């Protein structure tokens, strides 16, 4: 069983930046593809970014491409999301997610992820 805990959310002004972190425990993190998703009020959960085992070729939603960077530390069992140039539209609860350990590929589909964190609120004020 994989447990995930996000941190780093908060209130930031438009144009600002935040760094989210997700600490994983209970599984083989170095063989677990990870993803970030978000859900804004009244909207469905959407893909933000994903990263495979080795951290090569991360993928991003078009809306965050060039502004967000996902990285992982397979020693500390953490995955991070650096967010720059935030507009109010990025306001949402951000979730960290993990696929089943042993699956190589990351995914942009929420149903491919077996484990989820509780989420961390990101609010961008205009």
Protein backbone atom coordinates (compact mmCIF):
# COMPACT_ATOMS: atom_id res chain seq x y z
CA UNK A 1 0.00 0.00 0.00
CA UNK A 2 1.39 3.37 -1.03
CA UNK A 3 0.71 6.44 1.08
CA UNK A 4 1.09 9.93 -0.35
CA UNK A 5 1.20 13.26 1.42
CA UNK A 6 1.28 16.58 -0.39
CA UNK A 7 2.63 19.84 1.01
CA UNK A 8 3.55 23.30 -0.16
CA UNK A 9 0.19 24.70 -1.17
CA UNK A 10 -0.97 28.14 -0.15
CA UNK A 11 -2.02 31.57 -1.26
CA UNK A 12 0.06 33.40 -3.85
CA UNK A 13 -0.46 36.47 -5.99
CA UNK A 14 -0.84 36.19 -9.72
CA UNK A 15 2.56 35.92 -11.35
CA UNK A 16 4.05 34.28 -8.31
CA UNK A 17 5.40 30.79 -7.81
CA UNK A 18 4.93 27.80 -5.53
CA UNK A 19 6.62 24.47 -5.10
CA UNK A 20 4.53 21.47 -4.18
CA UNK A 21 6.02 18.33 -2.73
CA UNK A 22 4.66 14.83 -2.32
CA UNK A 23 6.19 12.35 0.09
CA UNK A 24 5.61 8.69 -0.67
CA UNK A 25 5.83 5.74 1.67
CA UNK A 26 4.84 2.11 1.75
CA UNK A 27 5.91 1.08 -1.73
CA UNK A 28 8.84 0.81 -4.10
CA UNK A 29 8.99 4.45 -5.02
CA UNK A 30 11.87 4.18 -7.46
CA UNK A 31 9.70 1.90 -9.62
CA UNK A 32 6.50 3.92 -9.33
CA UNK A 33 5.37 6.39 -11.98
CA UNK A 34 3.95 9.52 -10.40
CA UNK A 35 1.48 12.16 -11.49
CA UNK A 36 0.03 15.48 -10.44
CA UNK A 37 -3.61 16.34 -11.00
CA UNK A 38 -5.77 19.24 -9.93
CA UNK A 39 -9.42 19.99 -9.38
CA UNK A 40 -10.87 23.47 -9.41
CA UNK A 41 -14.27 24.27 -7.84
CA UNK A 42 -17.07 23.02 -10.06
CA UNK A 43 -14.71 21.31 -12.46
CA UNK A 44 -13.52 17.78 -13.03
CA UNK A 45 -10.12 16.62 -11.93
CA UNK A 46 -7.55 17.24 -14.65
CA UNK A 47 -4.07 16.09 -15.46
CA UNK A 48 -1.18 18.45 -14.71
CA UNK A 49 2.09 16.53 -15.02
CA UNK A 50 3.55 13.05 -14.84
CA UNK A 51 6.95 11.49 -14.45
CA UNK A 52 8.20 7.97 -14.99
CA UNK A 53 10.59 5.91 -12.86
CA UNK A 54 13.82 7.53 -13.92
CA UNK A 55 12.44 11.04 -14.31
CA UNK A 56 13.19 11.23 -18.03
CA UNK A 57 10.76 12.84 -20.47
CA UNK A 58 8.14 14.14 -18.03
CA UNK A 59 4.80 15.06 -19.56
CA UNK A 60 2.64 18.12 -18.98
CA UNK A 61 -0.80 19.42 -19.71
CA UNK A 62 -0.76 22.04 -22.43
CA UNK A 63 -2.04 24.66 -20.01
CA UNK A 64 1.04 24.35 -17.77
CA UNK A 65 3.72 23.50 -20.33
CA UNK A 66 6.67 25.82 -19.90
CA UNK A 67 5.55 27.05 -16.47
CA UNK A 68 5.49 23.87 -14.37
CA UNK A 69 8.31 21.42 -13.82
CA UNK A 70 7.91 17.99 -12.26
CA UNK A 71 10.89 16.25 -10.69
CA UNK A 72 11.47 13.28 -8.44
CA UNK A 73 14.04 12.21 -5.87
CA UNK A 74 14.22 8.43 -5.68
CA UNK A 75 16.41 8.60 -2.58
CA UNK A 76 14.08 10.80 -0.54
CA UNK A 77 10.96 9.23 -2.09
CA UNK A 78 9.53 12.56 -3.10
CA UNK A 79 8.07 14.11 -6.21
CA UNK A 80 7.86 17.87 -6.63
CA UNK A 81 5.98 20.30 -8.82
CA UNK A 82 7.57 23.69 -9.35
CA UNK A 83 4.97 26.18 -10.53
CA UNK A 84 5.92 29.54 -12.02
CA UNK A 85 4.02 32.53 -13.39
CA UNK A 86 0.80 31.46 -11.76
CA UNK A 87 -2.46 33.00 -13.01
CA UNK A 88 -5.73 32.82 -11.03
CA UNK A 89 -6.86 30.01 -13.33
CA UNK A 90 -4.35 27.70 -11.64
CA UNK A 91 -6.36 27.88 -8.42
CA UNK A 92 -7.31 24.33 -7.46
CA UNK A 93 -6.68 21.49 -5.10
CA UNK A 94 -3.56 19.71 -6.33
CA UNK A 95 -3.25 15.96 -5.90
CA UNK A 96 -0.26 13.69 -6.06
CA UNK A 97 -0.92 10.23 -7.49
CA UNK A 98 1.00 6.98 -7.90
CA UNK A 99 0.59 4.11 -10.27
CA UNK A 100 1.11 0.55 -9.10
CA UNK A 101 4.80 -0.08 -8.49
CA UNK A 102 6.40 -1.95 -11.35
CA UNK A 103 4.46 -0.25 -14.14
CA UNK A 104 7.01 1.60 -16.20
CA UNK A 105 5.06 4.35 -17.91
CA UNK A 106 3.57 7.47 -16.46
CA UNK A 107 0.09 8.43 -17.62
CA UNK A 108 -2.13 11.47 -18.06
CA UNK A 109 -5.26 9.48 -17.22
CA UNK A 110 -6.47 9.63 -13.64
CA UNK A 111 -7.88 6.09 -13.81
CA UNK A 112 -4.38 4.72 -14.32
CA UNK A 113 -3.37 5.82 -10.84
CA UNK A 114 -4.08 3.55 -7.90
CA UNK A 115 -3.02 5.77 -5.01
CA UNK A 116 -3.85 9.37 -4.23
CA UNK A 117 -2.90 11.93 -1.65
CA UNK A 118 -5.35 14.11 0.22
CA UNK A 119 -4.55 17.15 -1.88
CA UNK A 120 -3.16 20.59 -1.15
CA UNK A 121 -4.94 23.84 -1.88
CA UNK A 122 -3.33 26.34 -4.23
CA UNK A 123 -5.02 29.72 -4.44
CA UNK A 124 -3.80 32.36 -6.85
CA UNK A 125 -5.18 35.82 -6.21
CA UNK A 126 -5.58 38.40 -8.95
